[in-house]
Amino acid sequence: MIEHKKYRYEDIRNFYFENEKGETVDCQKVSGNLFLYNVTGLGYEKEVEYVRVGNTYIKNEENVKQGVIDGELEFYEMTYDEYQKFVNFILGSESLRLIYIPKTSKRTKYYRDIDFVKIDLSGEDDFNIITSPIQIYCTSLWYEENTTIYSIERLPDEIRWDFRWDARFTDYDTRKMEYTNTGHVEALILVEMSGYLLNPKIELHVEGQLYQTVKFNVEIQAYEKLLYGTKENSLYINKQNTDGTITSLFNLDVIDFESDNVIRIPRNKHCELKLDADNDVLDAKITVLAYYEAV
């Protein structure tokens, strides 16, 4: 392991950059070629306006300030090649997010959508290390991804018994996910439902009561998928065709525009997301995005 006075091993927090293709760059290779340290801006800051009434100040407006993350990247051994490789990764990506794993919780991952706005090249020091100050503008809050997958297909290393259950145990009409949102704001969802499906729908139940229904007047053929997402700035209702291309389903024939088609999971309430159709729902995936103002 390379010794460096600016950090100790036990203080390390894990950071990764990830692009829209799922490609990642590990920035915590302490014994390797890239390390991100001196990171600031992971916390929380408000923008608040007050109105003075007599000798009292009353809060008029309050917003979470857009996050700005600063840090320094260090490139070791064959340094310029590593630096150039990283720059090519950043500039060749259509979208980026920062993955942060706190040192006290190696299983918890927090994500943040970002714009990489600055990387400087300050030259090599006496240890043959290139230090590059960076700056990142955050375009979302921190969020977790909680995913549940439903499938009747055999998965790798899955154990199944070679007998048939009684028919009353094989009802796939509805798939459901129970969830309590412990985030700081409403949680959003991403849903994939595989065909064949006839008139699928998504229901949100809150504390045992039906709260919201999004219906799709559409037929999804075998090997096609219904794709639905309520992530801010990228709300979509799509069909993924058998060749992988995407068809938008935002039209009057498919959805009712007078209804609320954006499912948001309220905070601190027991909720159920139910996936249903006129036929059996065999394969589906639900991802809940729980957002945090600070982590």
Protein backbone atom coordinates (compact mmCIF):
# COMPACT_ATOMS: atom_id res chain seq x y z
CA MET A 1 0.00 0.00 0.00
CA ILE A 2 1.27 3.44 -0.90
CA GLU A 3 1.97 5.56 2.17
CA HIS A 4 0.67 9.09 2.04
CA LYS A 5 0.46 11.65 4.80
CA LYS A 6 -2.92 13.04 3.71
CA TYR A 7 -5.01 10.07 4.84
CA ARG A 8 -5.04 6.95 6.95
CA TYR A 9 -6.49 3.64 5.75
CA GLU A 10 -9.09 3.45 8.54
CA ASP A 11 -10.50 6.85 7.52
CA ILE A 12 -11.32 5.80 3.98
CA ARG A 13 -14.83 6.19 2.61
CA ASN A 14 -15.64 4.44 -0.65
CA PHE A 15 -16.50 6.51 -3.74
CA TYR A 16 -17.30 5.41 -7.27
CA PHE A 17 -18.34 7.22 -10.43
CA GLU A 18 -20.92 5.45 -12.62
CA ASN A 19 -22.24 6.32 -16.07
CA GLU A 20 -25.49 5.54 -17.88
CA LYS A 21 -24.07 2.22 -19.14
CA GLY A 22 -23.40 0.97 -15.62
CA GLU A 23 -19.64 1.36 -16.08
CA THR A 24 -17.90 2.39 -12.86
CA VAL A 25 -14.59 3.90 -11.81
CA ASP A 26 -13.36 2.92 -8.35
CA CYS A 27 -11.86 5.97 -6.63
CA GLN A 28 -10.66 4.15 -3.50
CA LYS A 29 -7.85 2.02 -4.90
CA VAL A 30 -5.51 2.74 -2.04
CA SER A 31 -3.01 0.18 -3.32
CA GLY A 32 -3.78 1.01 -6.94
CA ASN A 33 -3.76 4.04 -9.19
CA LEU A 34 -6.63 6.31 -8.15
CA PHE A 35 -7.76 7.82 -4.87
CA LEU A 36 -10.39 10.47 -4.02
CA TYR A 37 -9.88 12.35 -0.77
CA ASN A 38 -10.46 15.73 0.96
CA VAL A 39 -14.10 15.47 -0.11
CA THR A 40 -16.42 18.26 1.03
CA GLY A 41 -20.05 19.05 0.27
CA LEU A 42 -21.59 15.69 1.19
CA GLY A 43 -23.84 17.29 3.79
CA TYR A 44 -26.83 19.59 3.83
CA GLU A 45 -27.37 23.32 3.43
CA LYS A 46 -30.53 25.44 3.22
CA GLU A 47 -31.36 28.65 1.44
CA VAL A 48 -33.75 30.52 3.74
CA GLU A 49 -35.47 33.91 3.44
CA TYR A 50 -37.05 35.67 6.43
CA VAL A 51 -39.46 38.58 6.73
CA ARG A 52 -39.15 40.87 9.73
CA VAL A 53 -42.38 41.56 11.55
CA GLY A 54 -41.63 43.92 14.44
CA ASN A 55 -38.81 42.29 16.34
CA THR A 56 -39.58 38.80 15.03
CA TYR A 57 -38.22 37.13 11.89
CA ILE A 58 -40.71 34.85 10.14
CA LYS A 59 -39.53 32.29 7.66
CA ASN A 60 -40.79 33.24 4.20
CA GLU A 61 -39.15 30.67 1.93
CA GLU A 62 -36.94 27.63 2.43
CA ASN A 63 -35.18 25.41 -0.11
CA VAL A 64 -32.43 22.84 -0.04
CA LYS A 65 -29.38 24.44 -1.63
CA GLN A 66 -27.95 22.68 -4.65
CA GLY A 67 -25.07 20.51 -3.56
CA VAL A 68 -21.52 21.27 -4.71
CA ILE A 69 -18.91 18.58 -4.00
CA ASP A 70 -15.21 19.38 -4.05
CA GLY A 71 -12.33 16.98 -3.69
CA GLU A 72 -8.95 15.92 -4.97
CA LEU A 73 -8.08 12.95 -7.16
CA GLU A 74 -4.63 11.43 -6.91
CA PHE A 75 -3.25 9.32 -9.75
CA TYR A 76 -0.38 6.95 -8.97
CA GLU A 77 2.05 5.00 -11.18
CA MET A 78 1.80 5.52 -14.95
CA THR A 79 0.01 8.61 -13.76
CA TYR A 80 -0.75 10.48 -16.97
CA ASP A 81 -2.23 7.38 -18.60
CA GLU A 82 -4.55 6.94 -15.63
CA TYR A 83 -5.47 10.63 -15.67
CA GLN A 84 -6.27 10.54 -19.39
CA LYS A 85 -8.30 7.35 -18.99
CA PHE A 86 -10.40 8.98 -16.28
CA VAL A 87 -10.98 12.17 -18.32
CA ASN A 88 -12.08 10.05 -21.30
CA PHE A 89 -14.54 8.23 -19.05
CA ILE A 90 -16.05 11.51 -17.80
CA LEU A 91 -16.26 13.20 -21.21
CA GLY A 92 -17.54 10.05 -22.93
CA SER A 93 -20.48 9.60 -20.56
CA GLU A 94 -23.93 11.03 -21.24
CA SER A 95 -24.88 11.01 -17.56
CA LEU A 96 -23.02 10.39 -14.33
CA ARG A 97 -23.73 9.67 -10.73
CA LEU A 98 -21.57 9.47 -7.64
CA ILE A 99 -21.82 6.35 -5.47
CA TYR A 100 -20.92 6.83 -1.82
CA ILE A 101 -20.48 3.97 0.67
CA PRO A 102 -19.96 5.22 4.26
CA LYS A 103 -17.11 3.55 6.11
CA THR A 104 -19.48 2.56 8.94
CA SER A 105 -21.89 0.74 6.62
CA LYS A 106 -20.22 -1.21 3.82
CA ARG A 107 -23.58 -2.59 2.59
CA THR A 108 -25.33 0.77 2.21
CA LYS A 109 -24.94 2.60 -1.10
CA TYR A 110 -26.05 6.17 -1.68
CA TYR A 111 -26.33 7.61 -5.18
CA ARG A 112 -26.35 11.20 -6.42
CA ASP A 113 -26.87 12.40 -9.98
CA ILE A 114 -24.08 14.80 -10.87
CA ASP A 115 -22.51 17.11 -13.44
CA PHE A 116 -18.72 16.89 -13.45
CA VAL A 117 -17.77 20.54 -14.01
CA LYS A 118 -14.06 20.72 -13.16
CA ILE A 119 -10.92 18.63 -13.16
CA ASP A 120 -7.54 20.34 -12.93
CA LEU A 121 -4.07 18.99 -13.68
CA SER A 122 -1.48 20.31 -11.24
CA GLY A 123 1.49 18.16 -12.23
CA GLU A 124 3.49 15.48 -10.43
CA ASP A 125 4.97 15.84 -6.95
CA ASP A 126 8.02 14.22 -5.38
CA PHE A 127 6.16 10.93 -5.00
CA ASN A 128 5.33 10.74 -8.74
CA ILE A 129 1.69 11.51 -7.97
CA ILE A 130 -0.61 13.69 -10.06
CA THR A 131 -3.07 15.66 -7.93
CA SER A 132 -6.23 16.88 -9.66
CA PRO A 133 -8.72 19.13 -7.84
CA ILE A 134 -12.30 18.37 -8.97
CA GLN A 135 -15.69 20.02 -8.59
CA ILE A 136 -19.11 18.43 -9.03
CA TYR A 137 -22.57 20.00 -9.19
CA CYS A 138 -25.30 17.76 -7.79
CA THR A 139 -28.53 17.48 -9.80
CA SER A 140 -30.42 15.35 -7.26
CA LEU A 141 -30.56 14.57 -3.58
CA TRP A 142 -28.84 11.46 -2.27
CA TYR A 143 -30.92 8.34 -2.82
CA GLU A 144 -30.97 4.62 -2.15
CA GLU A 145 -32.14 2.01 -4.64
CA ASN A 146 -34.26 -0.75 -3.11
CA THR A 147 -35.11 -3.39 -5.70
CA THR A 148 -37.44 -6.40 -5.60
CA ILE A 149 -37.47 -8.89 -8.47
CA TYR A 150 -40.31 -11.32 -9.18
CA SER A 151 -39.69 -14.17 -11.61
CA ILE A 152 -40.94 -17.67 -12.33
CA GLU A 153 -37.81 -18.36 -14.37
CA ARG A 154 -34.93 -20.36 -12.89
CA LEU A 155 -32.19 -18.03 -11.62
CA PRO A 156 -28.47 -18.91 -11.40
CA ASP A 157 -27.78 -21.16 -8.38
CA GLU A 158 -31.49 -21.19 -7.50
CA ILE A 159 -32.75 -24.36 -5.78
CA ARG A 160 -36.20 -25.63 -6.79
CA TRP A 161 -38.07 -28.76 -5.76
CA ASP A 162 -39.13 -31.12 -8.56
CA PHE A 163 -42.81 -31.36 -7.73
CA ARG A 164 -45.86 -29.25 -8.43
CA TRP A 165 -47.65 -27.19 -5.82
CA ASP A 166 -51.39 -27.36 -5.64
CA ALA A 167 -52.91 -24.84 -8.08
CA ARG A 168 -54.20 -22.64 -5.25
CA PHE A 169 -50.59 -21.75 -4.37
CA THR A 170 -49.66 -20.54 -7.86
CA ASP A 171 -51.66 -17.33 -8.19
CA TYR A 172 -49.56 -14.75 -10.05
CA ASP A 173 -52.42 -12.31 -10.75
CA THR A 174 -50.83 -9.70 -8.49
CA ARG A 175 -47.25 -8.96 -7.45
CA LYS A 176 -46.74 -6.71 -4.44
CA MET A 177 -43.93 -5.04 -2.54
CA GLU A 178 -44.31 -3.78 1.03
CA TYR A 179 -42.28 -0.69 1.84
CA THR A 180 -41.91 2.04 4.45
CA ASN A 181 -40.20 5.18 3.17
CA THR A 182 -37.69 6.37 5.77
CA GLY A 183 -36.25 9.03 3.46
CA HIS A 184 -36.57 12.78 3.93
CA VAL A 185 -38.99 13.35 1.03
CA GLU A 186 -41.45 11.28 -1.00
CA ALA A 187 -39.90 8.22 -2.65
CA LEU A 188 -40.18 7.56 -6.40
CA ILE A 189 -40.31 4.26 -8.28
CA LEU A 190 -39.05 2.43 -11.35
CA VAL A 191 -41.06 -0.56 -12.62
CA GLU A 192 -40.43 -3.19 -15.27
CA MET A 193 -43.19 -5.67 -16.18
CA SER A 194 -42.48 -8.38 -18.75
CA GLY A 195 -45.07 -9.62 -21.25
CA TYR A 196 -47.38 -11.13 -22.04
CA LEU A 197 -49.56 -8.51 -20.25
CA LEU A 198 -53.06 -7.27 -20.95
CA ASN A 199 -54.09 -3.92 -19.45
CA PRO A 200 -51.49 -3.81 -16.68
CA LYS A 201 -51.81 -1.42 -13.75
CA ILE A 202 -49.88 -0.23 -10.71
CA GLU A 203 -51.59 0.40 -7.39
CA LEU A 204 -50.28 2.22 -4.33
CA HIS A 205 -51.88 1.28 -1.02
CA VAL A 206 -51.13 3.41 2.06
CA GLU A 207 -51.85 2.05 5.53
CA GLY A 208 -54.07 -0.62 3.97
CA GLN A 209 -56.14 1.78 1.86
CA LEU A 210 -56.02 2.17 -1.93
CA TYR A 211 -54.36 5.54 -2.51
CA GLN A 212 -53.52 5.71 -6.22
CA THR A 213 -53.93 3.65 -9.41
CA VAL A 214 -52.11 4.06 -12.72
CA LYS A 215 -53.74 2.05 -15.52
CA PHE A 216 -52.30 1.23 -18.93
CA ASN A 217 -54.70 0.37 -21.74
CA VAL A 218 -52.12 -1.62 -23.66
CA GLU A 219 -51.12 -5.13 -24.68
CA ILE A 220 -47.51 -6.08 -23.98
CA GLN A 221 -46.45 -9.09 -26.03
CA ALA A 222 -44.12 -11.89 -24.93
CA TYR A 223 -40.48 -10.73 -24.68
CA GLU A 224 -41.62 -7.09 -24.53
CA LYS A 225 -41.59 -4.98 -21.36
CA LEU A 226 -43.67 -2.19 -19.86
CA LEU A 227 -41.30 0.42 -18.39
CA TYR A 228 -42.56 3.01 -15.91
CA GLY A 229 -40.51 5.53 -13.92
CA THR A 230 -41.38 8.56 -11.81
CA LYS A 231 -37.84 9.86 -11.22
CA GLU A 232 -37.87 13.65 -11.40
CA ASN A 233 -36.95 15.12 -14.79
CA SER A 234 -37.28 11.69 -16.41
CA LEU A 235 -40.90 10.55 -15.98
CA TYR A 236 -41.54 7.84 -18.57
CA ILE A 237 -44.13 5.28 -19.63
CA ASN A 238 -42.53 3.16 -22.34
CA LYS A 239 -42.64 -0.18 -24.06
CA GLN A 240 -39.37 -1.98 -24.67
CA ASN A 241 -39.67 -3.89 -27.93
CA THR A 242 -38.17 -7.31 -28.61
CA ASP A 243 -35.23 -5.70 -30.44
CA GLY A 244 -34.44 -3.45 -27.45
CA THR A 245 -35.84 -0.26 -28.97
CA ILE A 246 -38.17 1.95 -26.94
CA THR A 247 -41.68 3.13 -27.83
CA SER A 248 -43.29 5.91 -25.79
CA LEU A 249 -46.76 5.14 -24.43
CA PHE A 250 -47.59 8.75 -23.57
CA ASN A 251 -50.80 8.95 -25.58
CA LEU A 252 -54.55 9.10 -24.98
CA ASP A 253 -55.06 5.52 -26.11
CA VAL A 254 -52.89 4.17 -23.30
CA ILE A 255 -53.23 6.44 -20.24
CA ASP A 256 -55.81 8.80 -18.78
CA PHE A 257 -54.17 12.24 -18.70
CA GLU A 258 -56.78 13.51 -16.22
CA SER A 259 -55.50 11.05 -13.62
CA ASP A 260 -52.36 11.44 -11.52
CA ASN A 261 -49.89 9.17 -13.31
CA VAL A 262 -46.93 9.91 -11.02
CA ILE A 263 -46.68 7.52 -8.08
CA ARG A 264 -44.89 8.92 -5.03
CA ILE A 265 -44.52 6.96 -1.81
CA PRO A 266 -45.22 9.12 1.28
CA ARG A 267 -42.87 9.22 4.24
CA ASN A 268 -43.11 7.02 7.32
CA LYS A 269 -46.24 5.11 6.31
CA HIS A 270 -46.66 1.42 5.62
CA CYS A 271 -47.20 1.14 1.87
CA GLU A 272 -47.79 -1.60 -0.68
CA LEU A 273 -47.05 -1.40 -4.39
CA LYS A 274 -49.15 -3.87 -6.34
CA LEU A 275 -48.59 -4.84 -9.98
CA ASP A 276 -51.66 -6.29 -11.66
CA ALA A 277 -53.11 -7.10 -15.10
CA ASP A 278 -56.05 -8.89 -16.69
CA ASN A 279 -53.77 -11.93 -16.87
CA ASP A 280 -51.00 -13.34 -14.66
CA VAL A 281 -48.05 -11.07 -13.87
CA LEU A 282 -45.15 -13.49 -14.17
CA ASP A 283 -41.96 -11.41 -14.28
CA ALA A 284 -41.48 -7.92 -12.84
CA LYS A 285 -39.00 -5.67 -11.07
CA ILE A 286 -39.78 -2.80 -8.68
CA THR A 287 -37.12 -0.30 -7.62
CA VAL A 288 -37.92 2.32 -4.97
CA LEU A 289 -35.75 5.46 -4.87
CA ALA A 290 -35.62 6.75 -1.30
CA TYR A 291 -34.23 10.30 -1.19
CA TYR A 292 -32.18 11.92 1.58
CA GLU A 293 -31.28 15.57 2.02
CA ALA A 294 -28.14 14.50 3.91
CA VAL A 295 -26.38 11.17 4.48
